[in-house]
């Protein structure tokens, strides 16, 4: 399920920017914290807490996008 959402958001990049180079840079910047913070967080806190909090945060942000004006 998480993989489907990840790839769905990745493939809908035209919504973020019409410039494909800017979109690729933004995508890369989003990946950096995911790759650098995952292992330390799981070692320190276990997997259940961070996973639940990141899913909850992602859900809140995606719901907030529905209420964001289209010009923003």
C-alpha atoms as a PDB file:
ATOM      1  CA  UNK A   1       0.000   0.000   0.000  1.00  0.00           C
ATOM      2  CA  UNK A   2       2.731   2.479   0.940  1.00  0.00           C
ATOM      3  CA  UNK A   3       4.634   1.698  -2.248  1.00  0.00           C
ATOM      4  CA  UNK A   4       1.578   2.387  -4.361  1.00  0.00           C
ATOM      5  CA  UNK A   5       1.068   5.788  -2.746  1.00  0.00           C
ATOM      6  CA  UNK A   6       4.781   6.605  -3.078  1.00  0.00           C
ATOM      7  CA  UNK A   7       4.900   5.835  -6.792  1.00  0.00           C
ATOM      8  CA  UNK A   8       1.544   7.519  -7.399  1.00  0.00           C
ATOM      9  CA  UNK A   9       2.822  10.737  -5.860  1.00  0.00           C
ATOM     10  CA  UNK A  10       6.109  10.411  -7.723  1.00  0.00           C
ATOM     11  CA  UNK A  11       4.402  10.022 -11.075  1.00  0.00           C
ATOM     12  CA  UNK A  12       2.086  12.981 -10.509  1.00  0.00           C
ATOM     13  CA  UNK A  13       5.003  15.405 -10.519  1.00  0.00           C
ATOM     14  CA  UNK A  14       3.601  17.511 -13.327  1.00  0.00           C
ATOM     15  CA  UNK A  15       1.205  18.952 -10.771  1.00  0.00           C
ATOM     16  CA  UNK A  16       4.112  20.251  -8.669  1.00  0.00           C
ATOM     17  CA  UNK A  17       6.047  21.930 -11.474  1.00  0.00           C
ATOM     18  CA  UNK A  18       5.933  22.170 -15.240  1.00  0.00           C
ATOM     19  CA  UNK A  19       9.719  22.215 -15.300  1.00  0.00           C
ATOM     20  CA  UNK A  20      10.909  18.562 -15.172  1.00  0.00           C
ATOM     21  CA  UNK A  21      14.350  19.567 -13.883  1.00  0.00           C
ATOM     22  CA  UNK A  22      12.907  21.472 -10.943  1.00  0.00           C
ATOM     23  CA  UNK A  23      10.638  18.539 -10.171  1.00  0.00           C
ATOM     24  CA  UNK A  24      13.608  16.139 -10.169  1.00  0.00           C
ATOM     25  CA  UNK A  25      15.567  18.409  -7.818  1.00  0.00           C
ATOM     26  CA  UNK A  26      12.590  18.665  -5.449  1.00  0.00           C
ATOM     27  CA  UNK A  27      12.136  14.893  -5.544  1.00  0.00           C
ATOM     28  CA  UNK A  28      15.794  14.354  -4.737  1.00  0.00           C
ATOM     29  CA  UNK A  29      15.619  16.794  -1.835  1.00  0.00           C
ATOM     30  CA  UNK A  30      12.654  14.878  -0.412  1.00  0.00           C
ATOM     31  CA  UNK A  31      14.580  11.614  -0.625  1.00  0.00           C
ATOM     32  CA  UNK A  32      17.655  12.837   1.291  1.00  0.00           C
ATOM     33  CA  UNK A  33      16.044  12.908   4.768  1.00  0.00           C
ATOM     34  CA  UNK A  34      14.287   9.628   4.081  1.00  0.00           C
ATOM     35  CA  UNK A  35      17.555   7.866   3.367  1.00  0.00           C
ATOM     36  CA  UNK A  36      19.646   9.542   6.068  1.00  0.00           C
ATOM     37  CA  UNK A  37      17.193   9.489   8.978  1.00  0.00           C
ATOM     38  CA  UNK A  38      15.522   6.104   8.588  1.00  0.00           C
ATOM     39  CA  UNK A  39      18.166   3.840  10.102  1.00  0.00           C
ATOM     40  CA  UNK A  40      18.987   6.066  13.124  1.00  0.00           C
ATOM     41  CA  UNK A  41      15.282   6.510  13.917  1.00  0.00           C
ATOM     42  CA  UNK A  42      14.531   2.795  13.688  1.00  0.00           C
ATOM     43  CA  UNK A  43      17.536   1.909  15.824  1.00  0.00           C
ATOM     44  CA  UNK A  44      16.652   4.464  18.470  1.00  0.00           C
ATOM     45  CA  UNK A  45      12.840   4.270  18.539  1.00  0.00           C
ATOM     46  CA  UNK A  46      11.955   0.944  16.934  1.00  0.00           C
ATOM     47  CA  UNK A  47       9.912   0.687  13.777  1.00  0.00           C
ATOM     48  CA  UNK A  48       6.333   0.988  15.011  1.00  0.00           C
ATOM     49  CA  UNK A  49       6.415   4.539  16.406  1.00  0.00           C
ATOM     50  CA  UNK A  50       8.174   6.341  13.538  1.00  0.00           C
ATOM     51  CA  UNK A  51       6.213   4.433  10.915  1.00  0.00           C
ATOM     52  CA  UNK A  52       2.887   5.325  12.528  1.00  0.00           C
ATOM     53  CA  UNK A  53       3.841   8.968  12.966  1.00  0.00           C
ATOM     54  CA  UNK A  54       5.095   9.340   9.378  1.00  0.00           C
ATOM     55  CA  UNK A  55       1.944   7.709   7.970  1.00  0.00           C
ATOM     56  CA  UNK A  56      -0.198  10.007  10.113  1.00  0.00           C
ATOM     57  CA  UNK A  57       1.778  13.083   9.038  1.00  0.00           C
ATOM     58  CA  UNK A  58       1.555  12.070   5.377  1.00  0.00           C
ATOM     59  CA  UNK A  59      -2.196  11.543   5.655  1.00  0.00           C
ATOM     60  CA  UNK A  60      -2.732  14.947   7.274  1.00  0.00           C
ATOM     61  CA  UNK A  61      -0.645  16.691   4.596  1.00  0.00           C
ATOM     62  CA  UNK A  62      -2.482  14.921   1.769  1.00  0.00           C
ATOM     63  CA  UNK A  63      -5.846  15.860   3.289  1.00  0.00           C
ATOM     64  CA  UNK A  64      -4.672  19.459   3.677  1.00  0.00           C
ATOM     65  CA  UNK A  65      -3.868  19.545  -0.035  1.00  0.00           C
ATOM     66  CA  UNK A  66      -7.553  19.019  -0.791  1.00  0.00           C
ATOM     67  CA  UNK A  67      -8.347  22.304   0.956  1.00  0.00           C
ATOM     68  CA  UNK A  68      -5.490  24.318  -0.536  1.00  0.00           C
ATOM     69  CA  UNK A  69      -6.567  26.842  -3.178  1.00  0.00           C
ATOM     70  CA  UNK A  70      -5.476  25.837  -6.668  1.00  0.00           C
ATOM     71  CA  UNK A  71      -3.475  29.042  -7.196  1.00  0.00           C
ATOM     72  CA  UNK A  72      -1.129  28.275  -4.302  1.00  0.00           C
END
